[in-house]
Amino acid sequence: MPNYATTSGPLLLGYLFNWGLFGVLSVQVYFYYLAFPRDRRMKKLLVAGIYLLELAQTILMTHDAFGTYAIHYGDVSFLYNLQLLPFSIPFLSALVSCAVQMHYGYLLRILSGSRILGLTVAFFAFIQVTAALVQAAQDIVIDKFPLSSKSFASETVWLSGSVICDLIIAFAMTYILMRKDTGFPATHALISKLVRIVVETGCLTAVTTIVTLVLFITVPDKGYYPCLTMVLAKLYSNSLLAILNSRIRIEGVHSHPSVQMAAGSSLDFYGRNTAGHRAALPFAGAMEVGPHIVDVHNQRHTETWDASDDMHIIPIFRTRSKVSTVQDQDSVLTKA
């Protein structure tokens, strides 16, 4: 009798985490296309391609989860069947991580002007995706868990290459952004925010990959490391979207009815009362009871709104943002 806590348990957690992170990714992709319709076509195609790969992975994992916990429920021998995991984990996960790392490598080349730095990131990204594809082929042949020593080399190279690539990206991006800090308050706040996001997302993927590698080496016969490999691709894609969407600012969420809109790319949330009048969220204290519709649109100029007692929103000032000597976050993240 197998120990289900170390076989089917970790796999179940991996499926659940994968589904949850796919939901988070779907929301991020929706807000990205809503807020940044003017981004470069290649960047929008990158986001769309990654999302389609993640969708395919989620469908494959749902098929495997249904087979394990529904069709073959109670069949102990089926717990060791890999099913479609060679396609959903090594193959699709490596493609997603490689696409994200290549994007960062191109961005580093643009920001630093160093072709060597960009090629270094691309080299390790190519190494890890190649090793993952080799492992996927080996897993198809093995078709049983544990993977034993036959795929040890390819798994190790795949995970190690990902860790090295993630660390290079995190440290290089931090160094380059810190060098661009001019000392002005606006620029310093912007750089600090970007550095924090890059370090957090880079360390998240790197630490997860390191833990996966350690578990694969120390307890290869347990289901612990497959649980983490199931979420690797979702961590990479969500990290990329988190950085892209960090340019979003939600306007109109203030405690005072007079709202000052800041210049830049933002999402502006409004509500509509039953009379059809638009009101900033949250509504004034004299809000009438009834259903409200949230209206989301892109805001790229400066506006001041004044809310009257009947919840009408009257624009009293409007001006286009002027060209500033301080480079804003939009230009930094859309430069590539």
C-alpha atoms as a PDB file:
ATOM      1  CA  MET A   1       0.000   0.000   0.000  1.00  0.00           C
ATOM      2  CA  PRO A   2       1.633   3.273  -1.090  1.00  0.00           C
ATOM      3  CA  ASN A   3       1.834   6.327   1.106  1.00  0.00           C
ATOM      4  CA  TYR A   4      -0.732   8.636  -0.499  1.00  0.00           C
ATOM      5  CA  ALA A   5       0.652  11.621   1.401  1.00  0.00           C
ATOM      6  CA  THR A   6       3.859  11.388  -0.665  1.00  0.00           C
ATOM      7  CA  THR A   7       2.407  10.185  -3.978  1.00  0.00           C
ATOM      8  CA  SER A   8      -1.060  11.418  -4.906  1.00  0.00           C
ATOM      9  CA  GLY A   9      -1.109  14.188  -2.260  1.00  0.00           C
ATOM     10  CA  PRO A  10       1.642  16.382  -3.759  1.00  0.00           C
ATOM     11  CA  LEU A  11       0.235  15.845  -7.250  1.00  0.00           C
ATOM     12  CA  LEU A  12      -3.191  17.006  -6.107  1.00  0.00           C
ATOM     13  CA  LEU A  13      -1.654  20.140  -4.592  1.00  0.00           C
ATOM     14  CA  GLY A  14       0.219  20.765  -7.836  1.00  0.00           C
ATOM     15  CA  TYR A  15      -2.993  20.576  -9.849  1.00  0.00           C
ATOM     16  CA  LEU A  16      -4.768  22.942  -7.456  1.00  0.00           C
ATOM     17  CA  PHE A  17      -1.921  25.477  -7.463  1.00  0.00           C
ATOM     18  CA  ASN A  18      -1.742  25.335 -11.256  1.00  0.00           C
ATOM     19  CA  TRP A  19      -5.455  26.061 -11.631  1.00  0.00           C
ATOM     20  CA  GLY A  20      -5.308  28.879  -9.102  1.00  0.00           C
ATOM     21  CA  LEU A  21      -2.314  30.562 -10.738  1.00  0.00           C
ATOM     22  CA  PHE A  22      -3.967  30.229 -14.137  1.00  0.00           C
ATOM     23  CA  GLY A  23      -6.892  32.230 -12.788  1.00  0.00           C
ATOM     24  CA  VAL A  24      -4.505  34.915 -11.544  1.00  0.00           C
ATOM     25  CA  LEU A  25      -2.777  34.951 -14.934  1.00  0.00           C
ATOM     26  CA  SER A  26      -6.099  35.319 -16.761  1.00  0.00           C
ATOM     27  CA  VAL A  27      -6.965  38.406 -14.727  1.00  0.00           C
ATOM     28  CA  GLN A  28      -3.502  39.892 -15.317  1.00  0.00           C
ATOM     29  CA  VAL A  29      -3.707  39.310 -19.064  1.00  0.00           C
ATOM     30  CA  TYR A  30      -7.155  40.910 -19.173  1.00  0.00           C
ATOM     31  CA  PHE A  31      -5.982  44.036 -17.386  1.00  0.00           C
ATOM     32  CA  TYR A  32      -2.818  44.193 -19.511  1.00  0.00           C
ATOM     33  CA  TYR A  33      -4.730  44.371 -22.801  1.00  0.00           C
ATOM     34  CA  LEU A  34      -7.247  46.732 -21.244  1.00  0.00           C
ATOM     35  CA  ALA A  35      -4.665  49.175 -19.912  1.00  0.00           C
ATOM     36  CA  PHE A  36      -1.931  49.082 -22.571  1.00  0.00           C
ATOM     37  CA  PRO A  37      -3.427  48.860 -26.053  1.00  0.00           C
ATOM     38  CA  ARG A  38      -0.537  50.962 -27.384  1.00  0.00           C
ATOM     39  CA  ASP A  39       2.227  48.563 -26.378  1.00  0.00           C
ATOM     40  CA  ARG A  40       4.375  47.206 -29.160  1.00  0.00           C
ATOM     41  CA  ARG A  41       2.831  44.441 -31.209  1.00  0.00           C
ATOM     42  CA  MET A  42       5.627  41.987 -30.418  1.00  0.00           C
ATOM     43  CA  LYS A  43       5.085  42.447 -26.696  1.00  0.00           C
ATOM     44  CA  LYS A  44       1.349  41.876 -27.031  1.00  0.00           C
ATOM     45  CA  LEU A  45       1.999  38.798 -29.161  1.00  0.00           C
ATOM     46  CA  LEU A  46       4.426  37.536 -26.497  1.00  0.00           C
ATOM     47  CA  VAL A  47       1.756  37.859 -23.813  1.00  0.00           C
ATOM     48  CA  ALA A  48      -0.830  36.163 -26.036  1.00  0.00           C
ATOM     49  CA  GLY A  49       1.536  33.316 -26.905  1.00  0.00           C
ATOM     50  CA  ILE A  50       2.458  32.699 -23.274  1.00  0.00           C
ATOM     51  CA  TYR A  51      -1.188  32.699 -22.275  1.00  0.00           C
ATOM     52  CA  LEU A  52      -2.050  30.142 -24.965  1.00  0.00           C
ATOM     53  CA  LEU A  53       0.782  27.889 -23.777  1.00  0.00           C
ATOM     54  CA  GLU A  54      -0.463  28.194 -20.208  1.00  0.00           C
ATOM     55  CA  LEU A  55      -3.995  27.395 -21.333  1.00  0.00           C
ATOM     56  CA  ALA A  56      -2.753  24.274 -23.114  1.00  0.00           C
ATOM     57  CA  GLN A  57      -0.827  23.212 -20.009  1.00  0.00           C
ATOM     58  CA  THR A  58      -3.869  23.684 -17.787  1.00  0.00           C
ATOM     59  CA  ILE A  59      -6.019  21.604 -20.151  1.00  0.00           C
ATOM     60  CA  LEU A  60      -3.445  18.777 -20.169  1.00  0.00           C
ATOM     61  CA  MET A  61      -3.143  18.823 -16.387  1.00  0.00           C
ATOM     62  CA  THR A  62      -6.914  18.803 -16.004  1.00  0.00           C
ATOM     63  CA  HIS A  63      -6.989  15.699 -18.205  1.00  0.00           C
ATOM     64  CA  ASP A  64      -4.381  14.007 -16.004  1.00  0.00           C
ATOM     65  CA  ALA A  65      -6.108  15.017 -12.758  1.00  0.00           C
ATOM     66  CA  PHE A  66      -9.449  13.655 -13.995  1.00  0.00           C
ATOM     67  CA  GLY A  67      -7.802  10.410 -15.026  1.00  0.00           C
ATOM     68  CA  THR A  68      -6.043   9.947 -11.691  1.00  0.00           C
ATOM     69  CA  TYR A  69      -8.757  11.042  -9.271  1.00  0.00           C
ATOM     70  CA  ALA A  70     -11.926  10.146 -11.214  1.00  0.00           C
ATOM     71  CA  ILE A  71     -11.560   7.528 -13.958  1.00  0.00           C
ATOM     72  CA  HIS A  72      -8.882   5.456 -12.184  1.00  0.00           C
ATOM     73  CA  TYR A  73      -9.835   6.344  -8.628  1.00  0.00           C
ATOM     74  CA  GLY A  74      -8.588   3.663  -6.257  1.00  0.00           C
ATOM     75  CA  ASP A  75      -6.204   2.176  -8.836  1.00  0.00           C
ATOM     76  CA  VAL A  76      -2.907   2.284  -6.966  1.00  0.00           C
ATOM     77  CA  SER A  77      -0.784   1.287  -9.953  1.00  0.00           C
ATOM     78  CA  PHE A  78      -2.141   4.203 -12.010  1.00  0.00           C
ATOM     79  CA  LEU A  79      -0.648   6.713  -9.560  1.00  0.00           C
ATOM     80  CA  TYR A  80       2.768   6.004 -11.093  1.00  0.00           C
ATOM     81  CA  ASN A  81       1.594   6.624 -14.656  1.00  0.00           C
ATOM     82  CA  LEU A  82       2.976   9.876 -16.082  1.00  0.00           C
ATOM     83  CA  GLN A  83       0.067  10.258 -18.550  1.00  0.00           C
ATOM     84  CA  LEU A  84       0.549  13.638 -20.337  1.00  0.00           C
ATOM     85  CA  LEU A  85       2.945  15.149 -17.783  1.00  0.00           C
ATOM     86  CA  PRO A  86       5.957  14.929 -20.160  1.00  0.00           C
ATOM     87  CA  PHE A  87       4.152  17.381 -22.438  1.00  0.00           C
ATOM     88  CA  SER A  88       2.619  19.643 -19.797  1.00  0.00           C
ATOM     89  CA  ILE A  89       5.613  20.035 -17.477  1.00  0.00           C
ATOM     90  CA  PRO A  90       9.035  19.757 -19.151  1.00  0.00           C
ATOM     91  CA  PHE A  91       7.889  20.720 -22.624  1.00  0.00           C
ATOM     92  CA  LEU A  92       5.438  23.572 -22.042  1.00  0.00           C
ATOM     93  CA  SER A  93       7.089  24.826 -18.849  1.00  0.00           C
ATOM     94  CA  ALA A  94      10.424  25.161 -20.612  1.00  0.00           C
ATOM     95  CA  LEU A  95       8.869  27.003 -23.549  1.00  0.00           C
ATOM     96  CA  VAL A  96       7.187  29.511 -21.238  1.00  0.00           C
ATOM     97  CA  SER A  97      10.272  30.084 -19.100  1.00  0.00           C
ATOM     98  CA  CYS A  98      12.470  30.422 -22.191  1.00  0.00           C
ATOM     99  CA  ALA A  99      10.128  33.006 -23.733  1.00  0.00           C
ATOM    100  CA  VAL A 100      10.093  35.049 -20.522  1.00  0.00           C
ATOM    101  CA  GLN A 101      13.864  34.837 -20.099  1.00  0.00           C
ATOM    102  CA  MET A 102      14.480  35.779 -23.713  1.00  0.00           C
ATOM    103  CA  HIS A 103      12.278  38.822 -23.252  1.00  0.00           C
ATOM    104  CA  TYR A 104      14.279  39.871 -20.208  1.00  0.00           C
ATOM    105  CA  GLY A 105      17.511  39.274 -22.100  1.00  0.00           C
ATOM    106  CA  TYR A 106      16.352  41.561 -24.907  1.00  0.00           C
ATOM    107  CA  LEU A 107      15.253  44.165 -22.371  1.00  0.00           C
ATOM    108  CA  LEU A 108      18.650  44.001 -20.635  1.00  0.00           C
ATOM    109  CA  ARG A 109      20.396  44.474 -23.973  1.00  0.00           C
ATOM    110  CA  ILE A 110      18.279  47.566 -24.708  1.00  0.00           C
ATOM    111  CA  LEU A 111      18.702  49.135 -21.277  1.00  0.00           C
ATOM    112  CA  SER A 112      22.402  48.392 -20.856  1.00  0.00           C
ATOM    113  CA  GLY A 113      23.534  48.573 -24.474  1.00  0.00           C
ATOM    114  CA  SER A 114      25.555  45.396 -23.870  1.00  0.00           C
ATOM    115  CA  ARG A 115      25.048  42.695 -26.450  1.00  0.00           C
ATOM    116  CA  ILE A 116      27.139  40.278 -24.364  1.00  0.00           C
ATOM    117  CA  LEU A 117      24.738  40.522 -21.446  1.00  0.00           C
ATOM    118  CA  GLY A 118      21.747  39.819 -23.667  1.00  0.00           C
ATOM    119  CA  LEU A 119      23.500  36.888 -25.340  1.00  0.00           C
ATOM    120  CA  THR A 120      24.472  35.445 -21.944  1.00  0.00           C
ATOM    121  CA  VAL A 121      20.853  35.354 -20.833  1.00  0.00           C
ATOM    122  CA  ALA A 122      19.811  33.917 -24.191  1.00  0.00           C
ATOM    123  CA  PHE A 123      22.514  31.225 -23.924  1.00  0.00           C
ATOM    124  CA  PHE A 124      21.358  29.917 -20.551  1.00  0.00           C
ATOM    125  CA  ALA A 125      17.723  30.159 -21.643  1.00  0.00           C
ATOM    126  CA  PHE A 126      18.552  28.042 -24.698  1.00  0.00           C
ATOM    127  CA  ILE A 127      20.471  25.522 -22.552  1.00  0.00           C
ATOM    128  CA  GLN A 128      17.609  25.036 -20.123  1.00  0.00           C
ATOM    129  CA  VAL A 129      14.926  24.709 -22.784  1.00  0.00           C
ATOM    130  CA  THR A 130      17.043  22.191 -24.717  1.00  0.00           C
ATOM    131  CA  ALA A 131      17.591  20.092 -21.583  1.00  0.00           C
ATOM    132  CA  ALA A 132      13.871  20.232 -20.805  1.00  0.00           C
ATOM    133  CA  LEU A 133      12.967  19.028 -24.293  1.00  0.00           C
ATOM    134  CA  VAL A 134      15.424  16.144 -23.895  1.00  0.00           C
ATOM    135  CA  GLN A 135      13.869  15.280 -20.564  1.00  0.00           C
ATOM    136  CA  ALA A 136      10.377  15.352 -22.081  1.00  0.00           C
ATOM    137  CA  ALA A 137      11.491  12.794 -24.667  1.00  0.00           C
ATOM    138  CA  GLN A 138      13.043  10.626 -21.955  1.00  0.00           C
ATOM    139  CA  ASP A 139       9.902  10.821 -19.820  1.00  0.00           C
ATOM    140  CA  ILE A 140       7.788   9.624 -22.740  1.00  0.00           C
ATOM    141  CA  VAL A 141      10.011   6.547 -22.993  1.00  0.00           C
ATOM    142  CA  ILE A 142      10.114   5.918 -19.222  1.00  0.00           C
ATOM    143  CA  ASP A 143       6.356   6.551 -18.782  1.00  0.00           C
ATOM    144  CA  LYS A 144       6.504   5.663 -15.093  1.00  0.00           C
ATOM    145  CA  PHE A 145       7.234   7.476 -11.864  1.00  0.00           C
ATOM    146  CA  PRO A 146       9.854   7.766 -10.406  1.00  0.00           C
ATOM    147  CA  LEU A 147      11.993   8.861 -13.310  1.00  0.00           C
ATOM    148  CA  SER A 148      15.055   7.103 -11.845  1.00  0.00           C
ATOM    149  CA  SER A 149      18.529   7.990 -13.064  1.00  0.00           C
ATOM    150  CA  LYS A 150      17.689   7.961 -16.775  1.00  0.00           C
ATOM    151  CA  SER A 151      16.564  11.600 -16.786  1.00  0.00           C
ATOM    152  CA  PHE A 152      18.767  12.819 -13.934  1.00  0.00           C
ATOM    153  CA  ALA A 153      21.196  14.731 -16.163  1.00  0.00           C
ATOM    154  CA  SER A 154      18.559  16.457 -18.273  1.00  0.00           C
ATOM    155  CA  GLU A 155      16.444  17.414 -15.243  1.00  0.00           C
ATOM    156  CA  THR A 156      19.478  18.815 -13.428  1.00  0.00           C
ATOM    157  CA  VAL A 157      20.649  20.838 -16.418  1.00  0.00           C
ATOM    158  CA  TRP A 158      17.121  22.166 -17.010  1.00  0.00           C
ATOM    159  CA  LEU A 159      16.609  23.380 -13.461  1.00  0.00           C
ATOM    160  CA  SER A 160      20.189  24.600 -12.993  1.00  0.00           C
ATOM    161  CA  GLY A 161      20.067  26.580 -16.234  1.00  0.00           C
ATOM    162  CA  SER A 162      16.829  28.211 -15.154  1.00  0.00           C
ATOM    163  CA  VAL A 163      18.301  29.200 -11.782  1.00  0.00           C
ATOM    164  CA  ILE A 164      21.427  30.714 -13.349  1.00  0.00           C
ATOM    165  CA  CYS A 165      19.367  32.613 -15.917  1.00  0.00           C
ATOM    166  CA  ASP A 166      16.965  33.974 -13.282  1.00  0.00           C
ATOM    167  CA  LEU A 167      19.794  35.153 -11.032  1.00  0.00           C
ATOM    168  CA  ILE A 168      21.598  36.872 -13.907  1.00  0.00           C
ATOM    169  CA  ILE A 169      18.413  38.680 -14.862  1.00  0.00           C
ATOM    170  CA  ALA A 170      17.639  39.775 -11.295  1.00  0.00           C
ATOM    171  CA  PHE A 171      21.125  41.055 -10.470  1.00  0.00           C
ATOM    172  CA  ALA A 172      21.768  42.647 -13.872  1.00  0.00           C
ATOM    173  CA  MET A 173      18.406  44.386 -13.984  1.00  0.00           C
ATOM    174  CA  THR A 174      18.878  45.694 -10.450  1.00  0.00           C
ATOM    175  CA  TYR A 175      22.358  47.028 -11.244  1.00  0.00           C
ATOM    176  CA  ILE A 176      21.242  48.703 -14.474  1.00  0.00           C
ATOM    177  CA  LEU A 177      18.186  50.319 -12.915  1.00  0.00           C
ATOM    178  CA  MET A 178      20.133  51.582  -9.914  1.00  0.00           C
ATOM    179  CA  ARG A 179      22.618  53.237 -12.260  1.00  0.00           C
ATOM    180  CA  LYS A 180      19.755  55.115 -13.899  1.00  0.00           C
ATOM    181  CA  ASP A 181      18.660  56.606 -10.575  1.00  0.00           C
ATOM    182  CA  THR A 182      19.154  60.375 -10.950  1.00  0.00           C
ATOM    183  CA  GLY A 183      18.322  61.167  -7.347  1.00  0.00           C
ATOM    184  CA  PHE A 184      15.140  63.096  -8.128  1.00  0.00           C
ATOM    185  CA  PRO A 185      12.249  61.982  -5.895  1.00  0.00           C
ATOM    186  CA  ALA A 186      10.027  60.857  -8.768  1.00  0.00           C
ATOM    187  CA  THR A 187      12.806  58.941 -10.486  1.00  0.00           C
ATOM    188  CA  HIS A 188      14.038  57.422  -7.226  1.00  0.00           C
ATOM    189  CA  ALA A 189      10.544  56.200  -6.337  1.00  0.00           C
ATOM    190  CA  LEU A 190      10.133  54.737  -9.812  1.00  0.00           C
ATOM    191  CA  ILE A 191      13.502  52.969  -9.779  1.00  0.00           C
ATOM    192  CA  SER A 192      12.923  51.629  -6.273  1.00  0.00           C
ATOM    193  CA  LYS A 193       9.572  50.194  -7.326  1.00  0.00           C
ATOM    194  CA  LEU A 194      11.016  48.555 -10.423  1.00  0.00           C
ATOM    195  CA  VAL A 195      13.969  47.104  -8.524  1.00  0.00           C
ATOM    196  CA  ARG A 196      11.676  45.706  -5.847  1.00  0.00           C
ATOM    197  CA  ILE A 197       9.410  44.034  -8.401  1.00  0.00           C
ATOM    198  CA  VAL A 198      12.304  42.605 -10.436  1.00  0.00           C
ATOM    199  CA  VAL A 199      14.079  41.225  -7.366  1.00  0.00           C
ATOM    200  CA  GLU A 200      10.908  39.765  -5.873  1.00  0.00           C
ATOM    201  CA  THR A 201       9.781  38.035  -9.068  1.00  0.00           C
ATOM    202  CA  GLY A 202      13.300  36.891  -9.988  1.00  0.00           C
ATOM    203  CA  CYS A 203      13.937  35.477  -6.523  1.00  0.00           C
ATOM    204  CA  LEU A 204      10.532  33.787  -6.505  1.00  0.00           C
ATOM    205  CA  THR A 205      11.237  31.780  -9.637  1.00  0.00           C
ATOM    206  CA  ALA A 206      14.873  31.131  -8.673  1.00  0.00           C
ATOM    207  CA  VAL A 207      14.068  29.922  -5.148  1.00  0.00           C
ATOM    208  CA  THR A 208      11.237  27.708  -6.408  1.00  0.00           C
ATOM    209  CA  THR A 209      13.541  26.160  -8.999  1.00  0.00           C
ATOM    210  CA  ILE A 210      16.302  25.614  -6.434  1.00  0.00           C
ATOM    211  CA  VAL A 211      13.905  23.888  -4.032  1.00  0.00           C
ATOM    212  CA  THR A 212      12.643  21.725  -6.902  1.00  0.00           C
ATOM    213  CA  LEU A 213      16.202  20.726  -7.813  1.00  0.00           C
ATOM    214  CA  VAL A 214      17.052  19.897  -4.199  1.00  0.00           C
ATOM    215  CA  LEU A 215      13.942  17.746  -3.817  1.00  0.00           C
ATOM    216  CA  PHE A 216      14.670  15.971  -7.107  1.00  0.00           C
ATOM    217  CA  ILE A 217      18.189  15.098  -5.979  1.00  0.00           C
ATOM    218  CA  THR A 218      17.386  14.139  -2.378  1.00  0.00           C
ATOM    219  CA  VAL A 219      13.964  12.434  -2.671  1.00  0.00           C
ATOM    220  CA  PRO A 220      13.496  11.479  -6.338  1.00  0.00           C
ATOM    221  CA  ASP A 221      11.032   8.698  -5.458  1.00  0.00           C
ATOM    222  CA  LYS A 222       8.566  11.061  -3.792  1.00  0.00           C
ATOM    223  CA  GLY A 223       5.982  13.321  -5.415  1.00  0.00           C
ATOM    224  CA  TYR A 224       7.324  16.516  -3.876  1.00  0.00           C
ATOM    225  CA  TYR A 225       9.313  17.895  -6.799  1.00  0.00           C
ATOM    226  CA  PRO A 226       6.597  17.230  -9.437  1.00  0.00           C
ATOM    227  CA  CYS A 227       4.286  19.378  -7.315  1.00  0.00           C
ATOM    228  CA  LEU A 228       6.633  22.344  -7.731  1.00  0.00           C
ATOM    229  CA  THR A 229       7.377  21.720 -11.402  1.00  0.00           C
ATOM    230  CA  MET A 230       3.627  21.956 -12.061  1.00  0.00           C
ATOM    231  CA  VAL A 231       3.623  25.627 -11.062  1.00  0.00           C
ATOM    232  CA  LEU A 232       6.971  26.750 -12.511  1.00  0.00           C
ATOM    233  CA  ALA A 233       5.507  27.943 -15.810  1.00  0.00           C
ATOM    234  CA  LYS A 234       2.708  29.834 -14.041  1.00  0.00           C
ATOM    235  CA  LEU A 235       5.245  31.578 -11.811  1.00  0.00           C
ATOM    236  CA  TYR A 236       7.247  32.763 -14.833  1.00  0.00           C
ATOM    237  CA  SER A 237       4.218  34.033 -16.735  1.00  0.00           C
ATOM    238  CA  ASN A 238       2.676  35.723 -13.695  1.00  0.00           C
ATOM    239  CA  SER A 239       6.012  37.359 -12.890  1.00  0.00           C
ATOM    240  CA  LEU A 240       6.232  38.801 -16.389  1.00  0.00           C
ATOM    241  CA  LEU A 241       2.665  40.124 -16.256  1.00  0.00           C
ATOM    242  CA  ALA A 242       3.247  41.534 -12.781  1.00  0.00           C
ATOM    243  CA  ILE A 243       6.105  43.658 -14.119  1.00  0.00           C
ATOM    244  CA  LEU A 244       4.175  44.737 -17.205  1.00  0.00           C
ATOM    245  CA  ASN A 245       1.100  45.608 -15.151  1.00  0.00           C
ATOM    246  CA  SER A 246       3.102  47.477 -12.524  1.00  0.00           C
ATOM    247  CA  ARG A 247       2.587  50.494 -14.788  1.00  0.00           C
ATOM    248  CA  ILE A 248      -1.107  50.438 -13.906  1.00  0.00           C
ATOM    249  CA  ARG A 249      -2.422  52.894 -11.335  1.00  0.00           C
ATOM    250  CA  ILE A 250      -6.004  52.585 -10.138  1.00  0.00           C
ATOM    251  CA  GLU A 251      -7.475  56.061  -9.992  1.00  0.00           C
ATOM    252  CA  GLY A 252     -10.651  57.307  -8.385  1.00  0.00           C
ATOM    253  CA  VAL A 253     -10.309  55.224  -5.197  1.00  0.00           C
ATOM    254  CA  HIS A 254     -10.208  58.059  -2.668  1.00  0.00           C
ATOM    255  CA  SER A 255     -12.089  58.857   0.499  1.00  0.00           C
ATOM    256  CA  HIS A 256     -12.792  62.456  -0.607  1.00  0.00           C
ATOM    257  CA  PRO A 257     -15.292  63.175  -3.433  1.00  0.00           C
ATOM    258  CA  SER A 258     -12.796  65.520  -5.097  1.00  0.00           C
ATOM    259  CA  VAL A 259     -10.422  63.298  -7.056  1.00  0.00           C
ATOM    260  CA  GLN A 260      -7.116  64.298  -8.635  1.00  0.00           C
ATOM    261  CA  MET A 261      -6.083  62.141 -11.582  1.00  0.00           C
ATOM    262  CA  ALA A 262      -2.364  61.612 -12.111  1.00  0.00           C
ATOM    263  CA  ALA A 263      -0.774  61.585 -15.539  1.00  0.00           C
ATOM    264  CA  GLY A 264       0.361  58.302 -17.027  1.00  0.00           C
ATOM    265  CA  SER A 265      -1.126  54.915 -17.895  1.00  0.00           C
ATOM    266  CA  SER A 266      -3.844  54.014 -15.439  1.00  0.00           C
ATOM    267  CA  LEU A 267      -7.114  52.258 -14.975  1.00  0.00           C
ATOM    268  CA  ASP A 268      -9.960  54.501 -13.867  1.00  0.00           C
ATOM    269  CA  PHE A 269     -12.876  52.838 -12.073  1.00  0.00           C
ATOM    270  CA  TYR A 270     -16.310  54.421 -12.148  1.00  0.00           C
ATOM    271  CA  GLY A 271     -19.777  53.302 -11.173  1.00  0.00           C
ATOM    272  CA  ARG A 272     -23.117  54.071 -12.741  1.00  0.00           C
ATOM    273  CA  ASN A 273     -26.152  54.638 -10.602  1.00  0.00           C
ATOM    274  CA  THR A 274     -29.633  53.553 -11.612  1.00  0.00           C
ATOM    275  CA  ALA A 275     -30.247  56.945 -13.263  1.00  0.00           C
ATOM    276  CA  GLY A 276     -27.315  56.339 -15.615  1.00  0.00           C
ATOM    277  CA  HIS A 277     -25.010  58.982 -14.093  1.00  0.00           C
ATOM    278  CA  ARG A 278     -21.331  58.118 -13.727  1.00  0.00           C
ATOM    279  CA  ALA A 279     -19.749  58.361 -10.269  1.00  0.00           C
ATOM    280  CA  ALA A 280     -16.243  57.728  -9.033  1.00  0.00           C
ATOM    281  CA  LEU A 281     -15.703  54.774  -6.703  1.00  0.00           C
ATOM    282  CA  PRO A 282     -16.165  54.681  -3.815  1.00  0.00           C
ATOM    283  CA  PHE A 283     -19.440  56.604  -3.949  1.00  0.00           C
ATOM    284  CA  ALA A 284     -20.328  59.541  -1.760  1.00  0.00           C
ATOM    285  CA  GLY A 285     -22.008  59.088   1.585  1.00  0.00           C
ATOM    286  CA  ALA A 286     -25.434  59.898   0.145  1.00  0.00           C
ATOM    287  CA  MET A 287     -25.219  56.901  -2.199  1.00  0.00           C
ATOM    288  CA  GLU A 288     -28.599  55.597  -3.220  1.00  0.00           C
ATOM    289  CA  VAL A 289     -29.290  51.916  -2.782  1.00  0.00           C
ATOM    290  CA  GLY A 290     -29.404  49.934  -5.995  1.00  0.00           C
ATOM    291  CA  PRO A 291     -27.268  48.082  -8.543  1.00  0.00           C
ATOM    292  CA  HIS A 292     -24.166  49.752  -9.973  1.00  0.00           C
ATOM    293  CA  ILE A 293     -22.118  48.928 -13.041  1.00  0.00           C
ATOM    294  CA  VAL A 294     -18.335  49.204 -12.990  1.00  0.00           C
ATOM    295  CA  ASP A 295     -16.932  51.042 -15.999  1.00  0.00           C
ATOM    296  CA  VAL A 296     -13.212  50.450 -16.648  1.00  0.00           C
ATOM    297  CA  HIS A 297     -11.301  52.541 -19.159  1.00  0.00           C
ATOM    298  CA  ASN A 298      -7.806  53.694 -19.907  1.00  0.00           C
ATOM    299  CA  GLN A 299      -6.741  57.051 -18.460  1.00  0.00           C
ATOM    300  CA  ARG A 300      -3.771  58.884 -20.005  1.00  0.00           C
ATOM    301  CA  HIS A 301      -4.316  62.500 -19.015  1.00  0.00           C
ATOM    302  CA  THR A 302      -4.788  64.645 -15.936  1.00  0.00           C
ATOM    303  CA  GLU A 303      -8.280  65.410 -14.715  1.00  0.00           C
ATOM    304  CA  THR A 304      -9.871  66.808 -11.580  1.00  0.00           C
ATOM    305  CA  TRP A 305     -13.388  65.693 -10.758  1.00  0.00           C
ATOM    306  CA  ASP A 306     -15.844  67.186  -8.319  1.00  0.00           C
ATOM    307  CA  ALA A 307     -18.733  65.101  -6.949  1.00  0.00           C
ATOM    308  CA  SER A 308     -21.964  66.937  -6.119  1.00  0.00           C
ATOM    309  CA  ASP A 309     -24.644  65.710  -3.741  1.00  0.00           C
ATOM    310  CA  ASP A 310     -26.638  63.999  -6.472  1.00  0.00           C
ATOM    311  CA  MET A 311     -23.506  61.991  -7.401  1.00  0.00           C
ATOM    312  CA  HIS A 312     -22.969  63.707 -10.748  1.00  0.00           C
ATOM    313  CA  ILE A 313     -19.311  63.904 -11.696  1.00  0.00           C
ATOM    314  CA  ILE A 314     -18.452  67.236 -13.351  1.00  0.00           C
ATOM    315  CA  PRO A 315     -15.019  67.728 -14.938  1.00  0.00           C
ATOM    316  CA  ILE A 316     -13.752  71.121 -13.821  1.00  0.00           C
ATOM    317  CA  PHE A 317     -10.187  70.912 -15.125  1.00  0.00           C
ATOM    318  CA  ARG A 318      -8.437  68.957 -17.824  1.00  0.00           C
ATOM    319  CA  THR A 319      -4.912  69.166 -19.182  1.00  0.00           C
ATOM    320  CA  ARG A 320      -2.666  66.929 -21.172  1.00  0.00           C
ATOM    321  CA  SER A 321       0.491  65.754 -19.436  1.00  0.00           C
ATOM    322  CA  LYS A 322       3.570  67.682 -20.502  1.00  0.00           C
ATOM    323  CA  VAL A 323       6.844  66.181 -21.593  1.00  0.00           C
ATOM    324  CA  SER A 324       8.987  65.644 -18.525  1.00  0.00           C
ATOM    325  CA  THR A 325      12.741  65.373 -18.137  1.00  0.00           C
ATOM    326  CA  VAL A 326      12.207  62.484 -15.759  1.00  0.00           C
ATOM    327  CA  GLN A 327      11.670  59.237 -17.625  1.00  0.00           C
ATOM    328  CA  ASP A 328       8.415  57.652 -16.450  1.00  0.00           C
ATOM    329  CA  GLN A 329       7.664  54.020 -15.849  1.00  0.00           C
ATOM    330  CA  ASP A 330       5.851  53.613 -19.150  1.00  0.00           C
ATOM    331  CA  SER A 331       8.951  54.498 -21.126  1.00  0.00           C
ATOM    332  CA  VAL A 332      11.199  52.211 -19.093  1.00  0.00           C
ATOM    333  CA  LEU A 333       9.037  49.124 -19.446  1.00  0.00           C
ATOM    334  CA  THR A 334       7.891  49.751 -23.038  1.00  0.00           C
ATOM    335  CA  LYS A 335      11.312  50.742 -24.344  1.00  0.00           C
ATOM    336  CA  ALA A 336      11.830  47.218 -25.680  1.00  0.00           C
END
